[in-house]
C-alpha atoms as a PDB file:
ATOM      1  CA  MET A   1      33.109  28.831 228.959  1.00  0.00           C
ATOM      2  CA  THR A   2      36.650  28.873 230.199  1.00  0.00           C
ATOM      3  CA  ASP A   3      39.683  29.063 227.928  1.00  0.00           C
ATOM      4  CA  LEU A   4      40.520  25.433 228.589  1.00  0.00           C
ATOM      5  CA  LYS A   5      37.768  23.059 229.593  1.00  0.00           C
ATOM      6  CA  THR A   6      38.474  19.402 230.173  1.00  0.00           C
ATOM      7  CA  VAL A   7      35.603  17.020 230.535  1.00  0.00           C
ATOM      8  CA  CYS A   8      36.366  13.491 231.652  1.00  0.00           C
ATOM      9  CA  LEU A   9      33.598  11.033 230.939  1.00  0.00           C
ATOM     10  CA  LYS A  10      33.419   7.417 232.020  1.00  0.00           C
ATOM     11  CA  ARG A  11      30.606   4.971 231.381  1.00  0.00           C
ATOM     12  CA  ASN A  12      28.114   7.208 233.193  1.00  0.00           C
ATOM     13  CA  PRO A  13      27.777   9.967 230.581  1.00  0.00           C
ATOM     14  CA  ILE A  14      27.354  13.416 232.005  1.00  0.00           C
ATOM     15  CA  PHE A  15      26.518  14.633 228.577  1.00  0.00           C
ATOM     16  CA  MET A  16      27.228  18.144 227.401  1.00  0.00           C
ATOM     17  CA  ASN A  17      24.097  19.269 225.549  1.00  0.00           C
ATOM     18  CA  PRO A  18      23.234  22.080 228.012  1.00  0.00           C
ATOM     19  CA  LEU A  19      26.795  23.342 227.743  1.00  0.00           C
ATOM     20  CA  THR A  20      27.034  23.188 223.969  1.00  0.00           C
ATOM     21  CA  SER A  21      23.580  24.145 222.720  1.00  0.00           C
ATOM     22  CA  HIS A  22      24.734  27.750 222.252  1.00  0.00           C
ATOM     23  CA  LEU A  23      27.807  26.865 220.161  1.00  0.00           C
ATOM     24  CA  LYS A  24      28.164  28.162 216.635  1.00  0.00           C
ATOM     25  CA  ALA A  25      30.887  27.040 214.269  1.00  0.00           C
ATOM     26  CA  LYS A  26      33.583  29.655 213.736  1.00  0.00           C
ATOM     27  CA  LYS A  27      34.154  29.458 209.998  1.00  0.00           C
ATOM     28  CA  SER A  28      37.227  31.694 210.354  1.00  0.00           C
ATOM     29  CA  LEU A  29      38.836  28.815 212.299  1.00  0.00           C
ATOM     30  CA  GLY A  30      37.627  26.213 209.811  1.00  0.00           C
ATOM     31  CA  GLN A  31      35.210  24.696 212.319  1.00  0.00           C
ATOM     32  CA  HIS A  32      32.463  22.329 211.268  1.00  0.00           C
ATOM     33  CA  PHE A  33      30.201  20.266 213.513  1.00  0.00           C
ATOM     34  CA  LEU A  34      29.546  16.621 212.722  1.00  0.00           C
ATOM     35  CA  VAL A  35      25.804  16.082 212.330  1.00  0.00           C
ATOM     36  CA  ASP A  36      25.573  13.184 209.856  1.00  0.00           C
ATOM     37  CA  ASN A  37      24.928   9.906 211.734  1.00  0.00           C
ATOM     38  CA  VAL A  38      26.141   7.766 208.845  1.00  0.00           C
ATOM     39  CA  ALA A  39      29.467   9.637 208.734  1.00  0.00           C
ATOM     40  CA  LEU A  40      29.679   9.507 212.523  1.00  0.00           C
ATOM     41  CA  HIS A  41      29.386   5.717 212.617  1.00  0.00           C
ATOM     42  CA  LYS A  42      31.815   5.296 209.699  1.00  0.00           C
ATOM     43  CA  ILE A  43      34.398   7.348 211.590  1.00  0.00           C
ATOM     44  CA  PHE A  44      33.922   5.306 214.751  1.00  0.00           C
ATOM     45  CA  ASP A  45      34.011   1.977 212.901  1.00  0.00           C
ATOM     46  CA  ALA A  46      37.215   2.995 211.101  1.00  0.00           C
ATOM     47  CA  SER A  47      38.864   3.954 214.409  1.00  0.00           C
ATOM     48  CA  GLY A  48      39.158   0.351 215.568  1.00  0.00           C
ATOM     49  CA  LEU A  49      38.451   1.424 219.166  1.00  0.00           C
ATOM     50  CA  SER A  50      37.176  -1.080 221.724  1.00  0.00           C
ATOM     51  CA  GLU A  51      35.499  -0.991 225.121  1.00  0.00           C
ATOM     52  CA  LEU A  52      38.956  -1.244 226.724  1.00  0.00           C
ATOM     53  CA  ASP A  53      40.335   1.933 225.136  1.00  0.00           C
ATOM     54  CA  THR A  54      40.811   5.415 226.554  1.00  0.00           C
ATOM     55  CA  VAL A  55      40.264   8.195 224.015  1.00  0.00           C
ATOM     56  CA  VAL A  56      41.403  11.829 224.015  1.00  0.00           C
ATOM     57  CA  GLU A  57      39.091  13.909 221.843  1.00  0.00           C
ATOM     58  CA  VAL A  58      40.314  17.404 220.979  1.00  0.00           C
ATOM     59  CA  GLY A  59      37.559  19.820 219.963  1.00  0.00           C
ATOM     60  CA  PRO A  60      34.428  17.811 220.799  1.00  0.00           C
ATOM     61  CA  GLY A  61      32.178  20.606 219.531  1.00  0.00           C
ATOM     62  CA  THR A  62      28.560  19.666 220.166  1.00  0.00           C
ATOM     63  CA  GLY A  63      29.536  16.206 221.386  1.00  0.00           C
ATOM     64  CA  SER A  64      27.997  13.973 218.737  1.00  0.00           C
ATOM     65  CA  LEU A  65      31.150  11.859 218.402  1.00  0.00           C
ATOM     66  CA  THR A  66      31.804  12.126 222.147  1.00  0.00           C
ATOM     67  CA  LYS A  67      28.459  10.497 222.909  1.00  0.00           C
ATOM     68  CA  LEU A  68      29.306   7.530 220.669  1.00  0.00           C
ATOM     69  CA  LEU A  69      32.778   7.241 222.192  1.00  0.00           C
ATOM     70  CA  VAL A  70      31.385   7.245 225.749  1.00  0.00           C
ATOM     71  CA  LYS A  71      29.021   4.398 224.901  1.00  0.00           C
ATOM     72  CA  ASN A  72      31.696   2.266 223.256  1.00  0.00           C
ATOM     73  CA  THR A  73      35.020   2.881 225.042  1.00  0.00           C
ATOM     74  CA  ALA A  74      36.290   2.669 228.618  1.00  0.00           C
ATOM     75  CA  ARG A  75      37.031   6.378 229.057  1.00  0.00           C
ATOM     76  CA  VAL A  76      36.829   9.611 227.082  1.00  0.00           C
ATOM     77  CA  ILE A  77      38.776  12.775 227.822  1.00  0.00           C
ATOM     78  CA  ALA A  78      37.285  15.592 225.751  1.00  0.00           C
ATOM     79  CA  ILE A  79      39.233  18.861 225.545  1.00  0.00           C
ATOM     80  CA  GLU A  80      37.612  22.063 224.260  1.00  0.00           C
ATOM     81  CA  MET A  81      39.753  25.166 223.894  1.00  0.00           C
ATOM     82  CA  ASP A  82      37.261  27.687 222.532  1.00  0.00           C
ATOM     83  CA  GLN A  83      35.729  30.421 224.627  1.00  0.00           C
END
């Protein structure tokens, strides 16, 4: 991975699983990956986002929230800064 990777996703998800399957949370940086679907949907529902919105997601991790955002918003810009 590069130091700064920007992935722009529109309605045709080029999803990141092959790129992120090797990721491990760095506890020293306080990282945690979202894996609970109930929590994931609560977060999205609380966001108030619509299919017209563009979203910038910083630290998409394994992409679980990114996938939901891609399906339900106009555009997602996901920025990952880890190596």
